[in-house]
N, C-alpha and C. Protein backbone atom coordinates (compact mmCIF):
# COMPACT_ATOMS: atom_id res chain seq x y z
N MET A 1 80.79 99.73 116.53
CA MET A 1 80.65 98.52 117.29
C MET A 1 79.96 98.85 118.60
N ARG A 2 79.08 97.97 119.04
CA ARG A 2 78.36 98.16 120.30
C ARG A 2 78.73 97.04 121.24
N ILE A 3 79.17 97.39 122.42
CA ILE A 3 79.47 96.39 123.44
C ILE A 3 78.43 96.53 124.53
N LYS A 4 77.76 95.44 124.84
CA LYS A 4 76.69 95.47 125.83
C LYS A 4 77.06 94.55 126.98
N VAL A 5 77.07 95.08 128.17
CA VAL A 5 77.31 94.26 129.36
C VAL A 5 75.95 93.86 129.90
N GLU A 6 75.67 92.56 129.87
CA GLU A 6 74.36 92.05 130.30
C GLU A 6 74.14 92.35 131.79
N SER A 7 75.07 91.97 132.61
CA SER A 7 75.03 92.28 134.04
C SER A 7 76.41 92.00 134.60
N PRO A 8 76.77 92.62 135.71
CA PRO A 8 78.11 92.43 136.26
C PRO A 8 78.41 90.94 136.49
N GLY A 9 79.60 90.53 136.07
CA GLY A 9 80.03 89.16 136.30
C GLY A 9 79.59 88.17 135.24
N LYS A 10 78.84 88.63 134.25
CA LYS A 10 78.39 87.71 133.19
C LYS A 10 79.07 88.05 131.87
N ILE A 11 78.97 87.15 130.93
CA ILE A 11 79.56 87.36 129.60
C ILE A 11 78.84 88.53 128.93
N PHE A 12 79.58 89.36 128.23
CA PHE A 12 78.97 90.46 127.50
C PHE A 12 78.84 90.09 126.03
N ALA A 13 77.92 90.77 125.35
CA ALA A 13 77.66 90.51 123.95
C ALA A 13 78.21 91.65 123.11
N VAL A 14 78.81 91.31 122.00
CA VAL A 14 79.32 92.32 121.07
C VAL A 14 78.58 92.10 119.75
N ARG A 15 77.99 93.15 119.21
CA ARG A 15 77.26 93.05 117.95
C ARG A 15 77.80 94.06 116.97
N SER A 16 78.17 93.59 115.80
CA SER A 16 78.62 94.48 114.75
C SER A 16 78.50 93.75 113.43
N LYS A 17 78.18 94.48 112.37
CA LYS A 17 78.10 93.87 111.05
C LYS A 17 79.47 93.79 110.39
N ARG A 18 80.46 94.48 110.95
CA ARG A 18 81.75 94.56 110.29
C ARG A 18 82.84 93.71 110.89
N VAL A 19 82.60 93.09 112.01
CA VAL A 19 83.64 92.28 112.64
C VAL A 19 83.10 90.92 113.04
N GLY A 20 83.99 89.97 113.18
CA GLY A 20 83.65 88.67 113.73
C GLY A 20 84.13 88.64 115.17
N VAL A 21 83.40 88.01 116.03
CA VAL A 21 83.74 87.99 117.44
C VAL A 21 83.72 86.55 117.92
N SER A 22 84.74 86.17 118.68
CA SER A 22 84.73 84.86 119.31
C SER A 22 85.21 85.02 120.75
N THR A 23 84.69 84.17 121.62
CA THR A 23 85.10 84.21 123.01
C THR A 23 85.61 82.84 123.42
N ARG A 24 86.50 82.83 124.40
CA ARG A 24 87.03 81.58 124.95
C ARG A 24 87.09 81.73 126.45
N ARG A 25 86.56 80.76 127.16
CA ARG A 25 86.57 80.80 128.62
C ARG A 25 87.97 80.44 129.12
N VAL A 26 88.55 81.31 129.91
CA VAL A 26 89.87 81.08 130.50
C VAL A 26 89.68 80.40 131.85
N ASP A 27 88.80 80.92 132.68
CA ASP A 27 88.43 80.30 133.96
C ASP A 27 87.02 80.78 134.31
N ASP A 28 86.59 80.57 135.53
CA ASP A 28 85.22 80.90 135.91
C ASP A 28 84.89 82.39 135.79
N THR A 29 85.88 83.24 135.89
CA THR A 29 85.60 84.68 135.88
C THR A 29 86.27 85.42 134.73
N THR A 30 87.03 84.71 133.90
CA THR A 30 87.79 85.37 132.84
C THR A 30 87.48 84.77 131.48
N PHE A 31 87.24 85.65 130.51
CA PHE A 31 87.00 85.23 129.14
C PHE A 31 87.94 85.97 128.22
N GLU A 32 88.42 85.30 127.20
CA GLU A 32 89.27 85.92 126.19
C GLU A 32 88.36 86.29 125.02
N LEU A 33 88.44 87.52 124.58
CA LEU A 33 87.59 88.01 123.49
C LEU A 33 88.48 88.31 122.29
N GLU A 34 88.12 87.77 121.14
CA GLU A 34 88.85 88.06 119.90
C GLU A 34 87.90 88.75 118.94
N ILE A 35 88.32 89.92 118.46
CA ILE A 35 87.54 90.66 117.48
C ILE A 35 88.38 90.77 116.22
N LYS A 36 87.84 90.34 115.10
CA LYS A 36 88.59 90.37 113.85
C LYS A 36 87.69 90.81 112.71
N ASP A 37 88.33 91.25 111.65
CA ASP A 37 87.56 91.65 110.47
C ASP A 37 86.75 90.46 109.98
N ARG A 38 85.55 90.75 109.56
CA ARG A 38 84.69 89.70 109.02
C ARG A 38 85.23 89.26 107.67
N ILE A 39 85.18 87.98 107.42
CA ILE A 39 85.67 87.41 106.16
C ILE A 39 84.51 86.71 105.48
N ARG A 40 84.40 86.90 104.19
CA ARG A 40 83.36 86.25 103.39
C ARG A 40 83.96 85.05 102.66
N THR A 41 83.17 84.03 102.50
CA THR A 41 83.59 82.85 101.75
C THR A 41 82.98 82.92 100.36
N VAL A 42 83.82 82.67 99.35
CA VAL A 42 83.38 82.76 97.96
C VAL A 42 83.75 81.46 97.25
N SER A 43 82.85 80.92 96.47
CA SER A 43 83.14 79.74 95.66
C SER A 43 83.47 80.19 94.24
N VAL A 44 84.52 79.60 93.68
CA VAL A 44 84.96 79.95 92.34
C VAL A 44 85.23 78.66 91.56
N ARG A 45 84.84 78.62 90.32
CA ARG A 45 85.15 77.46 89.47
C ARG A 45 86.39 77.79 88.66
N LEU A 46 87.38 76.90 88.70
CA LEU A 46 88.63 77.12 87.98
C LEU A 46 88.90 75.96 87.04
N PRO A 47 89.51 76.24 85.88
CA PRO A 47 89.97 75.15 85.03
C PRO A 47 91.02 74.35 85.82
N TYR A 48 91.04 73.06 85.61
CA TYR A 48 91.93 72.18 86.36
C TYR A 48 93.39 72.62 86.26
N GLU A 49 93.84 73.02 85.08
CA GLU A 49 95.25 73.42 84.90
C GLU A 49 95.59 74.65 85.75
N LEU A 50 94.67 75.61 85.82
CA LEU A 50 94.89 76.81 86.64
C LEU A 50 94.94 76.43 88.12
N TYR A 51 94.06 75.52 88.53
CA TYR A 51 94.05 75.06 89.91
C TYR A 51 95.38 74.40 90.27
N GLU A 52 95.87 73.54 89.40
CA GLU A 52 97.14 72.86 89.66
C GLU A 52 98.30 73.86 89.77
N LYS A 53 98.33 74.86 88.89
CA LYS A 53 99.37 75.90 88.97
C LYS A 53 99.29 76.63 90.30
N MET A 54 98.07 76.93 90.73
CA MET A 54 97.87 77.64 91.99
C MET A 54 98.35 76.80 93.17
N VAL A 55 98.03 75.54 93.19
CA VAL A 55 98.45 74.64 94.27
C VAL A 55 99.97 74.52 94.30
N ASP A 56 100.59 74.35 93.13
CA ASP A 56 102.05 74.27 93.06
C ASP A 56 102.69 75.56 93.57
N HIS A 57 102.16 76.69 93.16
CA HIS A 57 102.68 77.98 93.61
C HIS A 57 102.57 78.12 95.13
N ALA A 58 101.43 77.75 95.67
CA ALA A 58 101.20 77.83 97.11
C ALA A 58 102.20 76.95 97.87
N GLU A 59 102.41 75.74 97.40
CA GLU A 59 103.33 74.83 98.07
C GLU A 59 104.77 75.33 98.00
N ARG A 60 105.19 75.81 96.83
CA ARG A 60 106.56 76.32 96.68
C ARG A 60 106.83 77.51 97.58
N ASN A 61 105.81 78.33 97.79
CA ASN A 61 105.97 79.55 98.57
C ASN A 61 105.47 79.43 100.01
N GLU A 62 105.13 78.20 100.40
CA GLU A 62 104.65 77.93 101.75
C GLU A 62 103.49 78.84 102.15
N LYS A 63 102.52 78.94 101.25
CA LYS A 63 101.32 79.75 101.45
C LYS A 63 100.10 78.84 101.35
N THR A 64 98.99 79.31 101.88
CA THR A 64 97.74 78.58 101.68
C THR A 64 97.15 79.00 100.33
N ILE A 65 96.24 78.21 99.84
CA ILE A 65 95.56 78.55 98.60
C ILE A 65 94.80 79.87 98.77
N SER A 66 94.19 80.07 99.92
CA SER A 66 93.46 81.31 100.18
C SER A 66 94.39 82.52 100.12
N GLU A 67 95.59 82.39 100.68
CA GLU A 67 96.55 83.50 100.63
C GLU A 67 96.94 83.83 99.19
N VAL A 68 97.14 82.80 98.38
CA VAL A 68 97.51 83.00 96.97
C VAL A 68 96.38 83.72 96.23
N ILE A 69 95.15 83.27 96.44
CA ILE A 69 94.00 83.87 95.76
C ILE A 69 93.81 85.32 96.20
N ARG A 70 93.88 85.57 97.52
CA ARG A 70 93.70 86.94 98.02
C ARG A 70 94.73 87.88 97.43
N LYS A 71 96.00 87.45 97.39
CA LYS A 71 97.06 88.31 96.86
C LYS A 71 96.86 88.55 95.37
N ALA A 72 96.54 87.50 94.62
CA ALA A 72 96.33 87.65 93.18
C ALA A 72 95.16 88.60 92.89
N LEU A 73 94.08 88.45 93.62
CA LEU A 73 92.92 89.31 93.41
C LEU A 73 93.22 90.75 93.80
N LYS A 74 93.90 90.94 94.93
CA LYS A 74 94.27 92.29 95.36
C LYS A 74 95.17 92.96 94.33
N ASP A 75 96.20 92.23 93.84
CA ASP A 75 97.10 92.78 92.83
C ASP A 75 96.35 93.16 91.57
N TYR A 76 95.43 92.29 91.13
CA TYR A 76 94.64 92.57 89.93
C TYR A 76 93.78 93.82 90.12
N LEU A 77 93.08 93.89 91.25
CA LEU A 77 92.19 95.04 91.49
C LEU A 77 92.96 96.33 91.70
N ASP A 78 94.16 96.26 92.26
CA ASP A 78 94.99 97.46 92.41
C ASP A 78 95.43 98.00 91.04
N LYS A 79 95.70 97.10 90.09
CA LYS A 79 96.13 97.49 88.75
C LYS A 79 94.96 97.87 87.85
N ASN A 80 93.77 97.39 88.16
CA ASN A 80 92.59 97.61 87.33
C ASN A 80 91.43 98.13 88.18
N PRO A 81 91.51 99.37 88.65
CA PRO A 81 90.46 99.88 89.56
C PRO A 81 89.09 100.02 88.91
C-alpha cells in the first residue's frame, strides 16, 4: 500500500489494488480514514427453489443473503480444494 501526502494540511491519497479506502470529514482539519479488504460483486443465477431455501435460511439465522452465500462457498471450497 502507498500512502501519499499531497501537502501538509490537505487530504492524502491512498492507492492500492488490494484494499478499498473511504474517507469521512470529521471537521475542517480531521478526516476519518477506513481501509478494508476489497470485495468483488458477482452475479449468479439460481433456481427459484434454491433461492427460496437460501432466503429462508438467512432469515431464520438472522444473516444476510451475502453472508449465507460466502459461508456456503467457503465451506465448499475448503472441502474441495
